[in-house]
Amino acid sequence: MIKDRSVQLRKRHLASLMIKYGMRASIIAVIFDMPLTQARALYEEIMGRPSPSGQKPRSDEYYFAPVMRIHASAFMMFYRYISLAGVDPRAALVSAYAQYSDLCQGQPLMPIDRAWRLIVLANQKDGTIREARCRNRDCRTYTIIQPYEGATRYECPSCQGSLEVSQRLRGKSGRKRKPRTPDTTH
């Protein structure tokens, strides 16, 4: 009985940390195999507002824009090292995201929902996401790659000089606004 209570408290603590980092209740419910109503109640208790709605992250292409590839690779590096220590995968997610967030000075470009999806994709046997070492002798960092990219010929976005953040990744629609005409009636 005491062990069950301790396990439940540990799950609640991890879920609370994920929520504080911005994870939505629907994903918390999946990760912890809990009823969605319970995850929503926990989210509201912690954040003081209802959990945002919407679909779970699905796009694999998100991770392969040059800047996101670097962010995703940094997160995966933290996650893999923590996982090698035998840490529970949920605790490893929280710890890796905390380190990634610190690396980004508290303003991570990749949300925790996307970090969770990246782990799911990396653990799939179909090789949706793999890692390769940059061929540049001065770099040699591990970066995530797509199945069709050659691991031996890969050069990371930093070495390619392609680290510009696109408007789409910043949350902008990409549509241009009409220029405002000055009011000449004054």
C-alpha atoms as a PDB file:
ATOM      1  CA  MET A   1       0.000   0.000   0.000  1.00  0.00           C
ATOM      2  CA  ILE A   2       2.799   2.413   0.904  1.00  0.00           C
ATOM      3  CA  LYS A   3       4.675   1.522  -2.304  1.00  0.00           C
ATOM      4  CA  ASP A   4       1.547   2.218  -4.406  1.00  0.00           C
ATOM      5  CA  ARG A   5       1.153   5.600  -2.720  1.00  0.00           C
ATOM      6  CA  SER A   6       4.804   6.430  -3.363  1.00  0.00           C
ATOM      7  CA  VAL A   7       4.475   5.457  -7.052  1.00  0.00           C
ATOM      8  CA  GLN A   8       1.356   7.613  -7.381  1.00  0.00           C
ATOM      9  CA  LEU A   9       3.097  10.589  -5.755  1.00  0.00           C
ATOM     10  CA  ARG A  10       6.084  10.162  -8.093  1.00  0.00           C
ATOM     11  CA  LYS A  11       3.779  10.077 -11.152  1.00  0.00           C
ATOM     12  CA  ARG A  12       1.937  13.163  -9.949  1.00  0.00           C
ATOM     13  CA  HIS A  13       5.219  14.979  -9.375  1.00  0.00           C
ATOM     14  CA  LEU A  14       6.500  14.142 -12.877  1.00  0.00           C
ATOM     15  CA  ALA A  15       3.160  15.084 -14.455  1.00  0.00           C
ATOM     16  CA  SER A  16       3.210  18.375 -12.537  1.00  0.00           C
ATOM     17  CA  LEU A  17       6.686  19.190 -13.837  1.00  0.00           C
ATOM     18  CA  MET A  18       5.622  18.380 -17.398  1.00  0.00           C
ATOM     19  CA  ILE A  19       2.600  20.647 -17.028  1.00  0.00           C
ATOM     20  CA  LYS A  20       4.778  23.469 -15.685  1.00  0.00           C
ATOM     21  CA  TYR A  21       6.922  23.122 -18.812  1.00  0.00           C
ATOM     22  CA  GLY A  22       3.763  23.456 -20.918  1.00  0.00           C
ATOM     23  CA  MET A  23       2.678  19.906 -21.719  1.00  0.00           C
ATOM     24  CA  ARG A  24      -1.027  19.611 -22.453  1.00  0.00           C
ATOM     25  CA  ALA A  25      -3.341  17.398 -20.416  1.00  0.00           C
ATOM     26  CA  SER A  26      -4.158  15.125 -23.365  1.00  0.00           C
ATOM     27  CA  ILE A  27      -0.516  14.091 -23.641  1.00  0.00           C
ATOM     28  CA  ILE A  28      -0.131  13.759 -19.855  1.00  0.00           C
ATOM     29  CA  ALA A  29      -3.065  11.310 -19.968  1.00  0.00           C
ATOM     30  CA  VAL A  30      -1.288   9.210 -22.617  1.00  0.00           C
ATOM     31  CA  ILE A  31       2.117   9.237 -20.914  1.00  0.00           C
ATOM     32  CA  PHE A  32       0.774   8.282 -17.491  1.00  0.00           C
ATOM     33  CA  ASP A  33      -2.112   6.114 -18.703  1.00  0.00           C
ATOM     34  CA  MET A  34      -4.620   8.144 -16.712  1.00  0.00           C
ATOM     35  CA  PRO A  35      -8.143   9.270 -17.531  1.00  0.00           C
ATOM     36  CA  LEU A  36      -8.219  12.515 -19.499  1.00  0.00           C
ATOM     37  CA  THR A  37     -10.553  14.087 -16.919  1.00  0.00           C
ATOM     38  CA  GLN A  38      -7.979  13.434 -14.203  1.00  0.00           C
ATOM     39  CA  ALA A  39      -5.174  14.924 -16.348  1.00  0.00           C
ATOM     40  CA  ARG A  40      -7.296  17.987 -17.099  1.00  0.00           C
ATOM     41  CA  ALA A  41      -8.113  18.454 -13.412  1.00  0.00           C
ATOM     42  CA  LEU A  42      -4.408  18.228 -12.524  1.00  0.00           C
ATOM     43  CA  TYR A  43      -3.533  20.739 -15.259  1.00  0.00           C
ATOM     44  CA  GLU A  44      -6.149  23.196 -14.013  1.00  0.00           C
ATOM     45  CA  GLU A  45      -5.030  22.731 -10.401  1.00  0.00           C
ATOM     46  CA  ILE A  46      -1.420  23.524 -11.308  1.00  0.00           C
ATOM     47  CA  MET A  47      -1.858  26.200 -13.966  1.00  0.00           C
ATOM     48  CA  GLY A  48      -5.099  27.796 -12.760  1.00  0.00           C
ATOM     49  CA  ARG A  49      -6.679  27.549 -16.217  1.00  0.00           C
ATOM     50  CA  PRO A  50      -7.943  24.758 -18.485  1.00  0.00           C
ATOM     51  CA  SER A  51      -5.467  22.844 -20.610  1.00  0.00           C
ATOM     52  CA  PRO A  52      -5.170  24.009 -24.213  1.00  0.00           C
ATOM     53  CA  SER A  53      -6.986  21.766 -26.645  1.00  0.00           C
ATOM     54  CA  GLY A  54      -5.849  20.529 -30.016  1.00  0.00           C
ATOM     55  CA  GLN A  55      -4.330  17.533 -31.684  1.00  0.00           C
ATOM     56  CA  LYS A  56      -1.199  15.816 -30.495  1.00  0.00           C
ATOM     57  CA  PRO A  57       1.943  16.710 -32.460  1.00  0.00           C
ATOM     58  CA  ARG A  58       2.129  14.587 -35.623  1.00  0.00           C
ATOM     59  CA  SER A  59       4.385  16.292 -38.146  1.00  0.00           C
ATOM     60  CA  ASP A  60       7.804  14.683 -38.435  1.00  0.00           C
ATOM     61  CA  GLU A  61       8.980  17.449 -40.766  1.00  0.00           C
ATOM     62  CA  TYR A  62       8.888  19.905 -37.855  1.00  0.00           C
ATOM     63  CA  TYR A  63      12.172  18.511 -36.557  1.00  0.00           C
ATOM     64  CA  PHE A  64      14.076  18.866 -39.827  1.00  0.00           C
ATOM     65  CA  ALA A  65      14.035  22.610 -40.421  1.00  0.00           C
ATOM     66  CA  PRO A  66      17.679  23.600 -39.851  1.00  0.00           C
ATOM     67  CA  VAL A  67      17.269  25.399 -36.511  1.00  0.00           C
ATOM     68  CA  MET A  68      14.802  22.856 -35.164  1.00  0.00           C
ATOM     69  CA  ARG A  69      17.184  20.049 -36.163  1.00  0.00           C
ATOM     70  CA  ILE A  70      19.823  21.585 -33.892  1.00  0.00           C
ATOM     71  CA  HIS A  71      17.339  22.021 -31.022  1.00  0.00           C
ATOM     72  CA  ALA A  72      15.928  18.512 -31.454  1.00  0.00           C
ATOM     73  CA  SER A  73      19.443  17.064 -31.578  1.00  0.00           C
ATOM     74  CA  ALA A  74      20.465  18.887 -28.401  1.00  0.00           C
ATOM     75  CA  PHE A  75      17.374  17.620 -26.592  1.00  0.00           C
ATOM     76  CA  MET A  76      17.976  14.058 -27.820  1.00  0.00           C
ATOM     77  CA  MET A  77      21.593  14.208 -26.644  1.00  0.00           C
ATOM     78  CA  PHE A  78      20.411  15.083 -23.131  1.00  0.00           C
ATOM     79  CA  TYR A  79      17.670  12.441 -23.254  1.00  0.00           C
ATOM     80  CA  ARG A  80      19.970   9.647 -24.443  1.00  0.00           C
ATOM     81  CA  TYR A  81      22.609  10.333 -21.783  1.00  0.00           C
ATOM     82  CA  ILE A  82      20.020  10.427 -19.026  1.00  0.00           C
ATOM     83  CA  SER A  83      18.341   7.262 -20.339  1.00  0.00           C
ATOM     84  CA  LEU A  84      21.675   5.411 -20.345  1.00  0.00           C
ATOM     85  CA  ALA A  85      21.687   5.780 -16.559  1.00  0.00           C
ATOM     86  CA  GLY A  86      18.537   3.625 -16.393  1.00  0.00           C
ATOM     87  CA  VAL A  87      16.220   6.496 -15.447  1.00  0.00           C
ATOM     88  CA  ASP A  88      12.471   6.028 -15.953  1.00  0.00           C
ATOM     89  CA  PRO A  89      11.662   7.358 -19.478  1.00  0.00           C
ATOM     90  CA  ARG A  90       9.170   9.893 -18.085  1.00  0.00           C
ATOM     91  CA  ALA A  91      11.697  11.216 -15.590  1.00  0.00           C
ATOM     92  CA  ALA A  92      14.316  11.259 -18.357  1.00  0.00           C
ATOM     93  CA  LEU A  93      11.961  13.387 -20.489  1.00  0.00           C
ATOM     94  CA  VAL A  94      11.536  15.929 -17.682  1.00  0.00           C
ATOM     95  CA  SER A  95      15.236  16.014 -16.836  1.00  0.00           C
ATOM     96  CA  ALA A  96      16.342  16.295 -20.489  1.00  0.00           C
ATOM     97  CA  TYR A  97      13.799  19.030 -21.138  1.00  0.00           C
ATOM     98  CA  ALA A  98      14.994  20.929 -18.060  1.00  0.00           C
ATOM     99  CA  GLN A  99      18.570  20.786 -19.349  1.00  0.00           C
ATOM    100  CA  TYR A 100      17.469  21.756 -22.856  1.00  0.00           C
ATOM    101  CA  SER A 101      15.477  24.684 -21.424  1.00  0.00           C
ATOM    102  CA  ASP A 102      18.526  25.792 -19.429  1.00  0.00           C
ATOM    103  CA  LEU A 103      20.626  25.600 -22.594  1.00  0.00           C
ATOM    104  CA  CYS A 104      18.075  27.921 -24.244  1.00  0.00           C
ATOM    105  CA  GLN A 105      18.231  30.267 -21.238  1.00  0.00           C
ATOM    106  CA  GLY A 106      14.654  29.440 -20.257  1.00  0.00           C
ATOM    107  CA  GLN A 107      13.203  30.141 -23.710  1.00  0.00           C
ATOM    108  CA  PRO A 108      13.243  26.805 -25.551  1.00  0.00           C
ATOM    109  CA  LEU A 109      12.204  26.864 -29.195  1.00  0.00           C
ATOM    110  CA  MET A 110      10.886  23.291 -29.089  1.00  0.00           C
ATOM    111  CA  PRO A 111       7.849  22.801 -26.800  1.00  0.00           C
ATOM    112  CA  ILE A 112       7.822  19.832 -24.440  1.00  0.00           C
ATOM    113  CA  ASP A 113       4.914  18.278 -26.404  1.00  0.00           C
ATOM    114  CA  ARG A 114       7.232  18.152 -29.434  1.00  0.00           C
ATOM    115  CA  ALA A 115      10.088  16.780 -27.325  1.00  0.00           C
ATOM    116  CA  TRP A 116       7.833  13.910 -26.246  1.00  0.00           C
ATOM    117  CA  ARG A 117       6.891  13.237 -29.892  1.00  0.00           C
ATOM    118  CA  LEU A 118      10.568  13.248 -30.846  1.00  0.00           C
ATOM    119  CA  ILE A 119      11.266  10.515 -28.283  1.00  0.00           C
ATOM    120  CA  VAL A 120       8.374   8.464 -29.646  1.00  0.00           C
ATOM    121  CA  LEU A 121       9.708   8.814 -33.205  1.00  0.00           C
ATOM    122  CA  ALA A 122      13.296   8.037 -32.182  1.00  0.00           C
ATOM    123  CA  ASN A 123      12.176   4.829 -30.480  1.00  0.00           C
ATOM    124  CA  GLN A 124      10.288   3.524 -33.516  1.00  0.00           C
ATOM    125  CA  LYS A 125      11.932   0.632 -35.313  1.00  0.00           C
ATOM    126  CA  ASP A 126      11.208   2.043 -38.799  1.00  0.00           C
ATOM    127  CA  GLY A 127      14.015   4.591 -38.504  1.00  0.00           C
ATOM    128  CA  THR A 128      11.779   7.653 -38.886  1.00  0.00           C
ATOM    129  CA  ILE A 129      14.451   9.567 -37.029  1.00  0.00           C
ATOM    130  CA  ARG A 130      18.077   8.479 -36.804  1.00  0.00           C
ATOM    131  CA  GLU A 131      21.226  10.192 -35.647  1.00  0.00           C
ATOM    132  CA  ALA A 132      24.382  10.845 -37.644  1.00  0.00           C
ATOM    133  CA  ARG A 133      27.660  12.502 -36.874  1.00  0.00           C
ATOM    134  CA  CYS A 134      28.510  15.646 -38.856  1.00  0.00           C
ATOM    135  CA  ARG A 135      31.209  14.872 -41.418  1.00  0.00           C
ATOM    136  CA  ASN A 136      33.003  18.172 -40.742  1.00  0.00           C
ATOM    137  CA  ARG A 137      36.179  17.239 -38.848  1.00  0.00           C
ATOM    138  CA  ASP A 138      35.957  20.339 -36.657  1.00  0.00           C
ATOM    139  CA  CYS A 139      32.353  19.625 -35.630  1.00  0.00           C
ATOM    140  CA  ARG A 140      31.532  15.895 -35.406  1.00  0.00           C
ATOM    141  CA  THR A 141      28.331  16.562 -33.411  1.00  0.00           C
ATOM    142  CA  TYR A 142      25.461  14.103 -33.542  1.00  0.00           C
ATOM    143  CA  THR A 143      22.398  15.425 -35.314  1.00  0.00           C
ATOM    144  CA  ILE A 144      19.046  13.840 -36.088  1.00  0.00           C
ATOM    145  CA  ILE A 145      18.554  12.842 -39.715  1.00  0.00           C
ATOM    146  CA  GLN A 146      15.740  11.496 -41.863  1.00  0.00           C
ATOM    147  CA  PRO A 147      15.830   7.929 -43.240  1.00  0.00           C
ATOM    148  CA  TYR A 148      16.771   9.027 -46.770  1.00  0.00           C
ATOM    149  CA  GLU A 149      19.704  11.194 -45.657  1.00  0.00           C
ATOM    150  CA  GLY A 150      23.063   9.467 -45.901  1.00  0.00           C
ATOM    151  CA  ALA A 151      24.647   9.159 -42.478  1.00  0.00           C
ATOM    152  CA  THR A 152      28.210   9.124 -43.851  1.00  0.00           C
ATOM    153  CA  ARG A 153      27.773  12.240 -46.010  1.00  0.00           C
ATOM    154  CA  TYR A 154      25.761  14.311 -43.536  1.00  0.00           C
ATOM    155  CA  GLU A 155      26.799  17.845 -42.636  1.00  0.00           C
ATOM    156  CA  CYS A 156      24.921  19.563 -39.789  1.00  0.00           C
ATOM    157  CA  PRO A 157      22.965  22.817 -40.346  1.00  0.00           C
ATOM    158  CA  SER A 158      25.515  24.808 -38.373  1.00  0.00           C
ATOM    159  CA  CYS A 159      28.343  23.731 -40.685  1.00  0.00           C
ATOM    160  CA  GLN A 160      26.107  24.285 -43.733  1.00  0.00           C
ATOM    161  CA  GLY A 161      25.407  27.837 -42.522  1.00  0.00           C
ATOM    162  CA  SER A 162      21.622  27.360 -42.652  1.00  0.00           C
ATOM    163  CA  LEU A 163      20.440  28.312 -39.178  1.00  0.00           C
ATOM    164  CA  GLU A 164      17.866  30.966 -40.017  1.00  0.00           C
ATOM    165  CA  VAL A 165      14.559  30.528 -38.148  1.00  0.00           C
ATOM    166  CA  SER A 166      11.639  30.451 -40.554  1.00  0.00           C
ATOM    167  CA  GLN A 167       8.503  32.511 -39.940  1.00  0.00           C
ATOM    168  CA  ARG A 168       6.468  29.297 -39.810  1.00  0.00           C
ATOM    169  CA  LEU A 169       8.469  27.991 -36.843  1.00  0.00           C
ATOM    170  CA  ARG A 170       8.046  31.283 -35.032  1.00  0.00           C
ATOM    171  CA  GLY A 171       4.286  30.805 -35.189  1.00  0.00           C
ATOM    172  CA  LYS A 172       3.699  33.337 -37.924  1.00  0.00           C
ATOM    173  CA  SER A 173       1.341  32.436 -40.738  1.00  0.00           C
ATOM    174  CA  GLY A 174       3.713  33.569 -43.439  1.00  0.00           C
ATOM    175  CA  ARG A 175       1.052  35.826 -44.940  1.00  0.00           C
ATOM    176  CA  LYS A 176       2.159  39.341 -45.598  1.00  0.00           C
ATOM    177  CA  ARG A 177       0.109  42.147 -44.159  1.00  0.00           C
ATOM    178  CA  LYS A 178      -1.045  44.967 -46.315  1.00  0.00           C
ATOM    179  CA  PRO A 179       0.969  48.087 -45.595  1.00  0.00           C
ATOM    180  CA  ARG A 180      -1.017  50.643 -43.656  1.00  0.00           C
ATOM    181  CA  THR A 181      -1.663  53.821 -45.476  1.00  0.00           C
ATOM    182  CA  PRO A 182      -1.057  56.908 -43.397  1.00  0.00           C
ATOM    183  CA  ASP A 183      -4.113  58.834 -42.364  1.00  0.00           C
ATOM    184  CA  THR A 184      -3.910  62.177 -44.183  1.00  0.00           C
ATOM    185  CA  THR A 185      -7.167  63.602 -42.874  1.00  0.00           C
ATOM    186  CA  HIS A 186      -5.535  65.445 -39.975  1.00  0.00           C
END
